[in-house]
Amino acid sequence: MRTPEGRPFRFDAGALCLELLITGGPGPYARHEVLHTPDALAEWAARSRLAPGLEPELSVSDTEVRTARAVRDALLRLTLARAHDLTPDRADLATLNAAAAEPPLVARITSEGAHAWVPGATGTGLLSTVARDAVELFTGPYAHRIRECGSHDCFLLFADTSRPGRRRWCAMERCGNRNKVRTHRARRAR
């Protein structure tokens, strides 16, 4: 994801599964769609929190890209439902659970002490790892801290892992500062 100026935009989604949501989605999120090819899914994985040691090992097919979009779209709807205290859709739960049931990526440690992945990593394993992360998020201690950015024009979702649990923005340097500037200008205009 890039800023309007073209610089990479970084924010901590708080969970691997929520990082997948910045790749697009259904409806208004379609304009942000980037998962068109196997290389695009591999590139997302290389920039995710799974990155160390995954890039040379990951093999992704066209079918896995279509599955990734379906899992991502279900995950988006489930996350929005959780963020707004709505009942999750059974079909979306089934999609997520089916992905989680597949064999996940397997981590290993190298002789140099570095994190790596067992050779033969696939898009299916990647999606299983993401789906299992979602299961942990939705059933774990941060389940009630899933939020949508407080900015009126931002679609990003995150898990608030801050100690006080009062995070409102996807990133302070983007939406938080914009809101502070708007508030300051409105106060000065009075």
N, C-alpha and C. Protein backbone atom coordinates (compact mmCIF):
# COMPACT_ATOMS: atom_id res chain seq x y z
N MET A 1 0.85 -1.17 0.00
CA MET A 1 0.00 0.00 0.00
C MET A 1 0.89 1.23 0.00
N ARG A 2 0.47 2.22 -0.76
CA ARG A 2 1.28 3.44 -0.88
C ARG A 2 0.44 4.66 -0.51
N THR A 3 1.14 5.70 -0.05
CA THR A 3 0.50 6.98 0.24
C THR A 3 0.19 7.67 -1.08
N PRO A 4 -0.63 8.74 -1.07
CA PRO A 4 -0.89 9.48 -2.32
C PRO A 4 0.40 10.02 -2.94
N GLU A 5 1.44 10.22 -2.13
CA GLU A 5 2.71 10.72 -2.65
C GLU A 5 3.58 9.60 -3.21
N GLY A 6 3.12 8.35 -3.10
CA GLY A 6 3.86 7.21 -3.63
C GLY A 6 4.80 6.53 -2.65
N ARG A 7 4.86 7.02 -1.43
CA ARG A 7 5.72 6.39 -0.42
C ARG A 7 5.02 5.16 0.16
N PRO A 8 5.79 4.15 0.56
CA PRO A 8 5.15 2.99 1.20
C PRO A 8 4.46 3.43 2.49
N PHE A 9 3.23 2.96 2.69
CA PHE A 9 2.48 3.27 3.90
C PHE A 9 2.53 2.06 4.80
N ARG A 10 2.96 2.26 6.01
CA ARG A 10 3.04 1.15 6.96
C ARG A 10 2.12 1.43 8.13
N PHE A 11 1.44 0.39 8.52
CA PHE A 11 0.67 0.47 9.75
C PHE A 11 0.64 -0.92 10.34
N ASP A 12 0.48 -1.00 11.64
CA ASP A 12 0.45 -2.29 12.31
C ASP A 12 -0.99 -2.74 12.43
N ALA A 13 -1.36 -3.72 11.64
CA ALA A 13 -2.72 -4.24 11.68
C ALA A 13 -2.96 -5.04 12.96
N GLY A 14 -1.89 -5.45 13.63
CA GLY A 14 -2.03 -6.18 14.88
C GLY A 14 -2.14 -7.68 14.71
N ALA A 15 -2.34 -8.16 13.48
CA ALA A 15 -2.47 -9.59 13.22
C ALA A 15 -2.19 -9.86 11.75
N LEU A 16 -1.59 -11.00 11.47
CA LEU A 16 -1.29 -11.40 10.10
C LEU A 16 -2.55 -11.39 9.23
N CYS A 17 -3.62 -11.97 9.74
CA CYS A 17 -4.85 -12.08 8.93
C CYS A 17 -5.37 -10.72 8.51
N LEU A 18 -5.21 -9.71 9.36
CA LEU A 18 -5.70 -8.38 9.01
C LEU A 18 -4.81 -7.70 7.98
N GLU A 19 -3.56 -8.13 7.89
CA GLU A 19 -2.67 -7.59 6.85
C GLU A 19 -3.17 -7.95 5.46
N LEU A 20 -3.81 -9.11 5.34
CA LEU A 20 -4.33 -9.54 4.03
C LEU A 20 -5.44 -8.61 3.53
N LEU A 21 -6.13 -7.95 4.44
CA LEU A 21 -7.27 -7.11 4.06
C LEU A 21 -6.88 -5.87 3.27
N ILE A 22 -5.62 -5.47 3.31
CA ILE A 22 -5.22 -4.27 2.55
C ILE A 22 -5.02 -4.57 1.07
N THR A 23 -5.27 -5.83 0.66
CA THR A 23 -5.08 -6.20 -0.74
C THR A 23 -6.32 -6.00 -1.60
N GLY A 24 -7.39 -5.46 -1.03
CA GLY A 24 -8.61 -5.22 -1.80
C GLY A 24 -9.80 -5.88 -1.15
N GLY A 25 -10.79 -6.25 -1.98
CA GLY A 25 -11.98 -6.89 -1.46
C GLY A 25 -13.19 -6.58 -2.31
N PRO A 26 -14.36 -6.99 -1.83
CA PRO A 26 -15.60 -6.77 -2.59
C PRO A 26 -16.10 -5.33 -2.45
N GLY A 27 -17.03 -4.97 -3.33
CA GLY A 27 -17.69 -3.66 -3.24
C GLY A 27 -16.73 -2.50 -3.29
N PRO A 28 -16.81 -1.59 -2.31
CA PRO A 28 -15.97 -0.39 -2.34
C PRO A 28 -14.47 -0.69 -2.20
N TYR A 29 -14.14 -1.88 -1.76
CA TYR A 29 -12.74 -2.26 -1.58
C TYR A 29 -12.11 -2.73 -2.89
N ALA A 30 -12.93 -2.99 -3.91
CA ALA A 30 -12.44 -3.51 -5.19
C ALA A 30 -11.44 -2.57 -5.86
N ARG A 31 -11.56 -1.28 -5.62
CA ARG A 31 -10.63 -0.34 -6.25
C ARG A 31 -9.21 -0.49 -5.72
N HIS A 32 -9.06 -1.20 -4.61
CA HIS A 32 -7.73 -1.43 -4.03
C HIS A 32 -7.19 -2.82 -4.36
N GLU A 33 -7.91 -3.58 -5.19
CA GLU A 33 -7.54 -4.96 -5.50
C GLU A 33 -6.14 -5.07 -6.08
N VAL A 34 -5.31 -5.92 -5.49
CA VAL A 34 -3.97 -6.17 -6.01
C VAL A 34 -3.70 -7.65 -6.26
N LEU A 35 -4.57 -8.53 -5.79
CA LEU A 35 -4.34 -9.97 -5.94
C LEU A 35 -4.86 -10.45 -7.30
N HIS A 36 -4.08 -10.19 -8.34
CA HIS A 36 -4.46 -10.58 -9.69
C HIS A 36 -3.66 -11.78 -10.19
N THR A 37 -2.47 -11.98 -9.66
CA THR A 37 -1.57 -13.02 -10.16
C THR A 37 -0.90 -13.75 -9.01
N PRO A 38 -0.34 -14.93 -9.28
CA PRO A 38 0.43 -15.62 -8.25
C PRO A 38 1.57 -14.76 -7.69
N ASP A 39 2.22 -14.00 -8.57
CA ASP A 39 3.31 -13.14 -8.10
C ASP A 39 2.81 -12.08 -7.12
N ALA A 40 1.59 -11.59 -7.33
CA ALA A 40 1.04 -10.57 -6.43
C ALA A 40 0.80 -11.14 -5.04
N LEU A 41 0.30 -12.38 -4.96
CA LEU A 41 0.10 -13.01 -3.65
C LEU A 41 1.45 -13.29 -2.98
N ALA A 42 2.42 -13.74 -3.77
CA ALA A 42 3.76 -13.98 -3.22
C ALA A 42 4.39 -12.67 -2.74
N GLU A 43 4.15 -11.59 -3.48
CA GLU A 43 4.68 -10.28 -3.06
C GLU A 43 4.04 -9.83 -1.75
N TRP A 44 2.73 -10.04 -1.62
CA TRP A 44 2.07 -9.69 -0.35
C TRP A 44 2.72 -10.48 0.79
N ALA A 45 2.90 -11.78 0.57
CA ALA A 45 3.49 -12.63 1.62
C ALA A 45 4.89 -12.15 1.98
N ALA A 46 5.65 -11.70 0.98
CA ALA A 46 7.01 -11.23 1.22
C ALA A 46 7.04 -9.95 2.05
N ARG A 47 5.94 -9.20 2.05
CA ARG A 47 5.87 -7.95 2.82
C ARG A 47 5.12 -8.14 4.15
N SER A 48 4.60 -9.33 4.37
CA SER A 48 3.82 -9.58 5.58
C SER A 48 4.74 -9.96 6.73
N ARG A 49 4.14 -10.22 7.88
CA ARG A 49 4.95 -10.62 9.03
C ARG A 49 5.49 -12.05 8.89
N LEU A 50 5.11 -12.76 7.83
CA LEU A 50 5.67 -14.08 7.56
C LEU A 50 6.97 -14.01 6.78
N ALA A 51 7.33 -12.83 6.32
CA ALA A 51 8.38 -12.62 5.32
C ALA A 51 9.70 -13.33 5.54
N PRO A 52 10.31 -13.30 6.70
CA PRO A 52 11.66 -13.86 6.78
C PRO A 52 11.73 -15.31 6.30
N GLY A 53 12.45 -15.52 5.20
CA GLY A 53 12.69 -16.86 4.71
C GLY A 53 11.58 -17.47 3.87
N LEU A 54 10.49 -16.77 3.62
CA LEU A 54 9.38 -17.37 2.88
C LEU A 54 9.53 -17.20 1.38
N GLU A 55 10.04 -16.06 0.95
CA GLU A 55 10.07 -15.70 -0.46
C GLU A 55 10.60 -16.79 -1.39
N PRO A 56 11.80 -17.34 -1.16
CA PRO A 56 12.29 -18.33 -2.13
C PRO A 56 11.53 -19.66 -2.06
N GLU A 57 10.81 -19.89 -0.99
CA GLU A 57 10.14 -21.18 -0.79
C GLU A 57 8.71 -21.22 -1.32
N LEU A 58 8.07 -20.08 -1.51
CA LEU A 58 6.63 -20.04 -1.79
C LEU A 58 6.31 -20.24 -3.27
N SER A 59 5.41 -21.18 -3.52
CA SER A 59 4.91 -21.45 -4.87
C SER A 59 3.39 -21.24 -4.85
N VAL A 60 2.89 -20.37 -5.73
CA VAL A 60 1.47 -20.02 -5.75
C VAL A 60 0.90 -20.27 -7.15
N SER A 61 -0.28 -20.89 -7.20
CA SER A 61 -0.96 -21.14 -8.48
C SER A 61 -2.08 -20.12 -8.70
N ASP A 62 -2.60 -20.08 -9.93
CA ASP A 62 -3.74 -19.20 -10.24
C ASP A 62 -4.96 -19.57 -9.40
N THR A 63 -5.18 -20.87 -9.20
CA THR A 63 -6.31 -21.32 -8.38
C THR A 63 -6.16 -20.83 -6.95
N GLU A 64 -4.94 -20.85 -6.43
CA GLU A 64 -4.71 -20.38 -5.06
C GLU A 64 -4.93 -18.87 -4.94
N VAL A 65 -4.69 -18.13 -6.01
CA VAL A 65 -4.97 -16.68 -6.00
C VAL A 65 -6.48 -16.46 -5.90
N ARG A 66 -7.26 -17.23 -6.67
CA ARG A 66 -8.72 -17.10 -6.59
C ARG A 66 -9.21 -17.47 -5.18
N THR A 67 -8.62 -18.53 -4.62
CA THR A 67 -8.98 -18.93 -3.26
C THR A 67 -8.58 -17.85 -2.27
N ALA A 68 -7.43 -17.23 -2.48
CA ALA A 68 -6.97 -16.16 -1.59
C ALA A 68 -7.96 -15.01 -1.58
N ARG A 69 -8.48 -14.65 -2.75
CA ARG A 69 -9.47 -13.57 -2.81
C ARG A 69 -10.75 -13.96 -2.07
N ALA A 70 -11.18 -15.22 -2.22
CA ALA A 70 -12.40 -15.68 -1.54
C ALA A 70 -12.19 -15.68 -0.02
N VAL A 71 -11.04 -16.17 0.43
CA VAL A 71 -10.73 -16.17 1.86
C VAL A 71 -10.64 -14.74 2.38
N ARG A 72 -9.94 -13.89 1.64
CA ARG A 72 -9.80 -12.49 2.04
C ARG A 72 -11.15 -11.79 2.14
N ASP A 73 -12.02 -12.02 1.15
CA ASP A 73 -13.34 -11.38 1.16
C ASP A 73 -14.18 -11.86 2.35
N ALA A 74 -14.13 -13.16 2.63
CA ALA A 74 -14.85 -13.70 3.80
C ALA A 74 -14.26 -13.12 5.08
N LEU A 75 -12.95 -13.05 5.14
CA LEU A 75 -12.27 -12.49 6.31
C LEU A 75 -12.64 -11.02 6.51
N LEU A 76 -12.74 -10.28 5.43
CA LEU A 76 -13.14 -8.87 5.52
C LEU A 76 -14.53 -8.74 6.12
N ARG A 77 -15.47 -9.52 5.61
CA ARG A 77 -16.84 -9.44 6.13
C ARG A 77 -16.91 -9.89 7.59
N LEU A 78 -16.16 -10.93 7.94
CA LEU A 78 -16.13 -11.39 9.34
C LEU A 78 -15.51 -10.34 10.25
N THR A 79 -14.46 -9.69 9.79
CA THR A 79 -13.79 -8.67 10.60
C THR A 79 -14.69 -7.45 10.79
N LEU A 80 -15.36 -7.04 9.73
CA LEU A 80 -16.31 -5.92 9.85
C LEU A 80 -17.45 -6.29 10.81
N ALA A 81 -17.93 -7.52 10.72
CA ALA A 81 -18.99 -7.97 11.64
C ALA A 81 -18.49 -7.91 13.08
N ARG A 82 -17.28 -8.37 13.31
CA ARG A 82 -16.71 -8.36 14.67
C ARG A 82 -16.51 -6.92 15.14
N ALA A 83 -15.99 -6.06 14.28
CA ALA A 83 -15.72 -4.67 14.66
C ALA A 83 -17.00 -3.91 15.00
N HIS A 84 -18.11 -4.32 14.40
CA HIS A 84 -19.38 -3.61 14.62
C HIS A 84 -20.39 -4.44 15.41
N ASP A 85 -19.91 -5.48 16.10
CA ASP A 85 -20.76 -6.34 16.94
C ASP A 85 -21.96 -6.91 16.20
N LEU A 86 -21.73 -7.40 14.99
CA LEU A 86 -22.78 -8.01 14.18
C LEU A 86 -22.57 -9.52 14.16
N THR A 87 -23.61 -10.26 13.80
CA THR A 87 -23.51 -11.72 13.70
C THR A 87 -22.75 -12.08 12.43
N PRO A 88 -21.74 -12.95 12.55
CA PRO A 88 -20.98 -13.33 11.35
C PRO A 88 -21.81 -14.23 10.43
N ASP A 89 -21.56 -14.12 9.15
CA ASP A 89 -22.24 -14.92 8.14
C ASP A 89 -21.70 -16.35 8.18
N ARG A 90 -22.59 -17.33 8.16
CA ARG A 90 -22.18 -18.75 8.24
C ARG A 90 -21.32 -19.16 7.04
N ALA A 91 -21.65 -18.65 5.86
CA ALA A 91 -20.86 -19.00 4.67
C ALA A 91 -19.44 -18.46 4.79
N ASP A 92 -19.29 -17.27 5.35
CA ASP A 92 -17.95 -16.71 5.55
C ASP A 92 -17.17 -17.52 6.59
N LEU A 93 -17.85 -17.95 7.65
CA LEU A 93 -17.20 -18.81 8.65
C LEU A 93 -16.76 -20.13 8.01
N ALA A 94 -17.61 -20.69 7.15
CA ALA A 94 -17.27 -21.95 6.47
C ALA A 94 -16.05 -21.77 5.57
N THR A 95 -15.99 -20.66 4.85
CA THR A 95 -14.84 -20.39 3.98
C THR A 95 -13.56 -20.29 4.80
N LEU A 96 -13.62 -19.54 5.90
CA LEU A 96 -12.44 -19.37 6.75
C LEU A 96 -12.03 -20.71 7.37
N ASN A 97 -12.99 -21.46 7.88
CA ASN A 97 -12.69 -22.74 8.51
C ASN A 97 -12.13 -23.76 7.52
N ALA A 98 -12.62 -23.74 6.28
CA ALA A 98 -12.10 -24.65 5.25
C ALA A 98 -10.63 -24.33 4.97
N ALA A 99 -10.30 -23.05 4.89
CA ALA A 99 -8.90 -22.67 4.67
C ALA A 99 -8.04 -23.06 5.86
N ALA A 100 -8.55 -22.88 7.06
CA ALA A 100 -7.79 -23.21 8.27
C ALA A 100 -7.55 -24.72 8.40
N ALA A 101 -8.42 -25.52 7.80
CA ALA A 101 -8.30 -26.98 7.89
C ALA A 101 -7.18 -27.55 7.02
N GLU A 102 -6.68 -26.77 6.09
CA GLU A 102 -5.58 -27.22 5.23
C GLU A 102 -4.26 -27.20 6.01
N PRO A 103 -3.25 -27.95 5.56
CA PRO A 103 -1.95 -27.91 6.24
C PRO A 103 -1.32 -26.51 6.14
N PRO A 104 -0.87 -25.96 7.27
CA PRO A 104 -0.28 -24.61 7.26
C PRO A 104 1.19 -24.63 6.84
N LEU A 105 1.75 -23.45 6.72
CA LEU A 105 3.20 -23.34 6.53
C LEU A 105 3.88 -23.88 7.78
N VAL A 106 5.06 -24.44 7.59
CA VAL A 106 5.79 -25.00 8.72
C VAL A 106 7.08 -24.22 8.92
N ALA A 107 7.24 -23.67 10.10
CA ALA A 107 8.43 -22.87 10.42
C ALA A 107 9.59 -23.79 10.81
N ARG A 108 10.79 -23.28 10.62
CA ARG A 108 12.00 -23.99 11.05
C ARG A 108 13.06 -22.96 11.42
N ILE A 109 14.10 -23.43 12.07
CA ILE A 109 15.23 -22.57 12.41
C ILE A 109 16.44 -23.08 11.62
N THR A 110 17.20 -22.16 11.06
CA THR A 110 18.38 -22.55 10.29
C THR A 110 19.57 -22.75 11.22
N SER A 111 20.64 -23.30 10.68
CA SER A 111 21.85 -23.51 11.49
C SER A 111 22.46 -22.19 11.94
N GLU A 112 22.11 -21.10 11.24
CA GLU A 112 22.59 -19.76 11.63
C GLU A 112 21.68 -19.12 12.68
N GLY A 113 20.61 -19.82 13.05
CA GLY A 113 19.68 -19.29 14.04
C GLY A 113 18.61 -18.38 13.47
N ALA A 114 18.45 -18.40 12.15
CA ALA A 114 17.45 -17.54 11.50
C ALA A 114 16.13 -18.29 11.33
N HIS A 115 15.05 -17.53 11.30
CA HIS A 115 13.73 -18.09 11.04
C HIS A 115 13.62 -18.38 9.55
N ALA A 116 13.06 -19.53 9.21
CA ALA A 116 12.85 -19.91 7.81
C ALA A 116 11.60 -20.78 7.73
N TRP A 117 11.26 -21.15 6.52
CA TRP A 117 10.10 -22.00 6.29
C TRP A 117 10.54 -23.28 5.63
N VAL A 118 9.86 -24.38 5.96
CA VAL A 118 10.17 -25.67 5.35
C VAL A 118 9.95 -25.55 3.85
N PRO A 119 10.87 -26.06 3.04
CA PRO A 119 10.71 -26.00 1.58
C PRO A 119 9.38 -26.62 1.13
N GLY A 120 8.87 -26.11 0.02
CA GLY A 120 7.62 -26.62 -0.52
C GLY A 120 6.40 -25.83 -0.09
N ALA A 121 6.61 -24.62 0.43
CA ALA A 121 5.49 -23.78 0.86
C ALA A 121 4.61 -23.44 -0.34
N THR A 122 3.30 -23.54 -0.13
CA THR A 122 2.33 -23.28 -1.20
C THR A 122 1.38 -22.16 -0.80
N GLY A 123 0.64 -21.68 -1.78
CA GLY A 123 -0.39 -20.69 -1.50
C GLY A 123 -1.45 -21.25 -0.56
N THR A 124 -1.75 -22.53 -0.68
CA THR A 124 -2.73 -23.17 0.21
C THR A 124 -2.23 -23.15 1.65
N GLY A 125 -0.95 -23.46 1.84
CA GLY A 125 -0.37 -23.40 3.18
C GLY A 125 -0.36 -21.99 3.73
N LEU A 126 -0.06 -21.03 2.86
CA LEU A 126 -0.08 -19.62 3.25
C LEU A 126 -1.48 -19.22 3.72
N LEU A 127 -2.50 -19.57 2.95
CA LEU A 127 -3.87 -19.22 3.31
C LEU A 127 -4.32 -19.93 4.58
N SER A 128 -3.87 -21.17 4.78
CA SER A 128 -4.19 -21.88 6.01
C SER A 128 -3.58 -21.16 7.21
N THR A 129 -2.35 -20.71 7.07
CA THR A 129 -1.68 -19.99 8.15
C THR A 129 -2.42 -18.69 8.46
N VAL A 130 -2.85 -17.98 7.42
CA VAL A 130 -3.61 -16.74 7.60
C VAL A 130 -4.95 -17.04 8.28
N ALA A 131 -5.65 -18.07 7.80
CA ALA A 131 -6.96 -18.43 8.37
C ALA A 131 -6.84 -18.86 9.83
N ARG A 132 -5.80 -19.62 10.16
CA ARG A 132 -5.59 -20.03 11.55
C ARG A 132 -5.31 -18.82 12.44
N ASP A 133 -4.60 -17.85 11.89
CA ASP A 133 -4.36 -16.61 12.63
C ASP A 133 -5.69 -15.90 12.90
N ALA A 134 -6.58 -15.91 11.91
CA ALA A 134 -7.90 -15.29 12.09
C ALA A 134 -8.70 -16.00 13.17
N VAL A 135 -8.65 -17.33 13.17
CA VAL A 135 -9.36 -18.09 14.20
C VAL A 135 -8.84 -17.69 15.58
N GLU A 136 -7.52 -17.60 15.71
CA GLU A 136 -6.92 -17.19 16.99
C GLU A 136 -7.34 -15.77 17.36
N LEU A 137 -7.34 -14.87 16.38
CA LEU A 137 -7.73 -13.48 16.66
C LEU A 137 -9.19 -13.39 17.10
N PHE A 138 -10.09 -14.03 16.36
CA PHE A 138 -11.52 -13.93 16.65
C PHE A 138 -11.93 -14.64 17.93
N THR A 139 -11.10 -15.55 18.42
CA THR A 139 -11.44 -16.29 19.64
C THR A 139 -10.52 -15.95 20.81
N GLY A 140 -9.54 -15.08 20.58
CA GLY A 140 -8.54 -14.78 21.60
C GLY A 140 -8.81 -13.49 22.37
N PRO A 141 -7.80 -13.05 23.12
CA PRO A 141 -7.97 -11.88 23.99
C PRO A 141 -8.19 -10.56 23.27
N TYR A 142 -7.85 -10.47 21.99
CA TYR A 142 -8.05 -9.22 21.26
C TYR A 142 -9.30 -9.23 20.39
N ALA A 143 -10.13 -10.25 20.54
CA ALA A 143 -11.34 -10.37 19.71
C ALA A 143 -12.24 -9.15 19.84
N HIS A 144 -12.31 -8.58 21.02
CA HIS A 144 -13.19 -7.41 21.23
C HIS A 144 -12.46 -6.10 21.00
N ARG A 145 -11.23 -6.21 20.49
CA ARG A 145 -10.46 -5.00 20.19
C ARG A 145 -10.22 -4.85 18.70
N ILE A 146 -11.02 -5.49 17.90
CA ILE A 146 -10.92 -5.34 16.45
C ILE A 146 -11.68 -4.07 16.09
N ARG A 147 -10.99 -3.19 15.38
CA ARG A 147 -11.56 -1.87 15.10
C ARG A 147 -11.42 -1.51 13.62
N GLU A 148 -12.29 -0.60 13.21
CA GLU A 148 -12.17 0.05 11.91
C GLU A 148 -11.60 1.43 12.19
N CYS A 149 -10.70 1.89 11.35
CA CYS A 149 -10.08 3.21 11.55
C CYS A 149 -11.16 4.26 11.78
N GLY A 150 -10.91 5.17 12.72
CA GLY A 150 -11.87 6.20 13.08
C GLY A 150 -12.00 7.32 12.07
N SER A 151 -11.16 7.34 11.05
CA SER A 151 -11.25 8.37 10.02
C SER A 151 -12.44 8.09 9.10
N HIS A 152 -13.15 9.13 8.71
CA HIS A 152 -14.34 8.97 7.88
C HIS A 152 -14.04 8.45 6.47
N ASP A 153 -12.79 8.56 6.03
CA ASP A 153 -12.46 8.15 4.67
C ASP A 153 -11.41 7.04 4.60
N CYS A 154 -11.31 6.24 5.66
CA CYS A 154 -10.32 5.16 5.70
C CYS A 154 -11.04 3.83 5.92
N PHE A 155 -10.62 2.81 5.20
CA PHE A 155 -11.26 1.50 5.26
C PHE A 155 -10.46 0.48 6.07
N LEU A 156 -9.31 0.86 6.62
CA LEU A 156 -8.43 -0.12 7.25
C LEU A 156 -8.98 -0.63 8.57
N LEU A 157 -8.75 -1.93 8.80
CA LEU A 157 -9.16 -2.59 10.03
C LEU A 157 -7.91 -3.04 10.77
N PHE A 158 -8.00 -3.06 12.10
CA PHE A 158 -6.84 -3.46 12.89
C PHE A 158 -7.29 -4.05 14.22
N ALA A 159 -6.38 -4.77 14.86
CA ALA A 159 -6.59 -5.26 16.22
C ALA A 159 -5.83 -4.32 17.13
N ASP A 160 -6.52 -3.73 18.07
CA ASP A 160 -5.90 -2.79 19.01
C ASP A 160 -5.15 -3.60 20.07
N THR A 161 -3.85 -3.69 19.91
CA THR A 161 -3.02 -4.44 20.85
C THR A 161 -2.34 -3.52 21.86
N SER A 162 -2.72 -2.24 21.87
CA SER A 162 -2.12 -1.30 22.81
C SER A 162 -2.54 -1.64 24.23
N ARG A 163 -1.72 -1.29 25.19
CA ARG A 163 -2.02 -1.60 26.58
C ARG A 163 -3.37 -1.01 27.03
N PRO A 164 -3.62 0.30 26.80
CA PRO A 164 -4.90 0.84 27.26
C PRO A 164 -6.10 0.42 26.41
N GLY A 165 -5.86 -0.03 25.17
CA GLY A 165 -6.96 -0.47 24.31
C GLY A 165 -7.83 0.66 23.79
N ARG A 166 -7.22 1.82 23.53
CA ARG A 166 -7.99 2.97 23.06
C ARG A 166 -7.54 3.46 21.68
N ARG A 167 -6.86 2.63 20.93
CA ARG A 167 -6.41 3.04 19.60
C ARG A 167 -7.61 3.31 18.70
N ARG A 168 -7.58 4.43 17.97
CA ARG A 168 -8.69 4.82 17.10
C ARG A 168 -8.33 4.84 15.63
N TRP A 169 -7.05 4.93 15.33
CA TRP A 169 -6.61 5.17 13.95
C TRP A 169 -5.80 4.00 13.43
N CYS A 170 -5.84 3.82 12.11
CA CYS A 170 -4.99 2.81 11.48
C CYS A 170 -3.53 3.13 11.77
N ALA A 171 -3.19 4.41 11.64
CA ALA A 171 -1.83 4.89 11.93
C ALA A 171 -1.93 6.35 12.33
N MET A 172 -1.24 6.70 13.38
CA MET A 172 -1.27 8.08 13.85
C MET A 172 -0.70 9.02 12.80
N GLU A 173 0.35 8.58 12.09
CA GLU A 173 1.00 9.46 11.10
C GLU A 173 0.11 9.76 9.90
N ARG A 174 -0.94 9.00 9.72
CA ARG A 174 -1.83 9.25 8.58
C ARG A 174 -3.16 9.79 9.09
N CYS A 175 -4.05 8.92 9.47
CA CYS A 175 -5.40 9.34 9.84
C CYS A 175 -5.46 10.09 11.17
N GLY A 176 -4.66 9.69 12.13
CA GLY A 176 -4.66 10.38 13.42
C GLY A 176 -4.25 11.83 13.30
N ASN A 177 -3.17 12.08 12.58
CA ASN A 177 -2.71 13.46 12.38
C ASN A 177 -3.71 14.27 11.56
N ARG A 178 -4.28 13.67 10.53
CA ARG A 178 -5.28 14.39 9.73
C ARG A 178 -6.44 14.85 10.61
N ASN A 179 -6.89 13.95 11.49
CA ASN A 179 -8.00 14.30 12.37
C ASN A 179 -7.61 15.41 13.34
N LYS A 180 -6.40 15.33 13.88
CA LYS A 180 -5.93 16.37 14.80
C LYS A 180 -5.87 17.73 14.10
N VAL A 181 -5.40 17.74 12.86
CA VAL A 181 -5.32 18.99 12.09
C VAL A 181 -6.72 19.55 11.85
N ARG A 182 -7.67 18.68 11.45
CA ARG A 182 -9.05 19.12 11.23
C ARG A 182 -9.65 19.70 12.51
N THR A 183 -9.44 19.02 13.64
CA THR A 183 -9.96 19.49 14.92
C THR A 183 -9.34 20.82 15.30
N HIS A 184 -8.04 20.94 15.11
CA HIS A 184 -7.34 22.19 15.44
C HIS A 184 -7.85 23.35 14.59
N ARG A 185 -8.00 23.11 13.30
CA ARG A 185 -8.49 24.17 12.39
C ARG A 185 -9.92 24.57 12.74
N ALA A 186 -10.74 23.61 13.09
CA ALA A 186 -12.13 23.91 13.45
C ALA A 186 -12.17 24.75 14.73
N ARG A 187 -11.30 24.43 15.69
CA ARG A 187 -11.24 25.18 16.93
C ARG A 187 -10.79 26.61 16.68
N ARG A 188 -9.80 26.78 15.83
CA ARG A 188 -9.26 28.11 15.53
C ARG A 188 -10.26 28.95 14.73
N ALA A 189 -11.11 28.31 13.96
CA ALA A 189 -12.08 29.03 13.14
C ALA A 189 -13.23 29.60 13.97
N ARG A 190 -13.41 29.12 15.18
CA ARG A 190 -14.52 29.59 16.02
C ARG A 190 -14.29 30.95 16.54
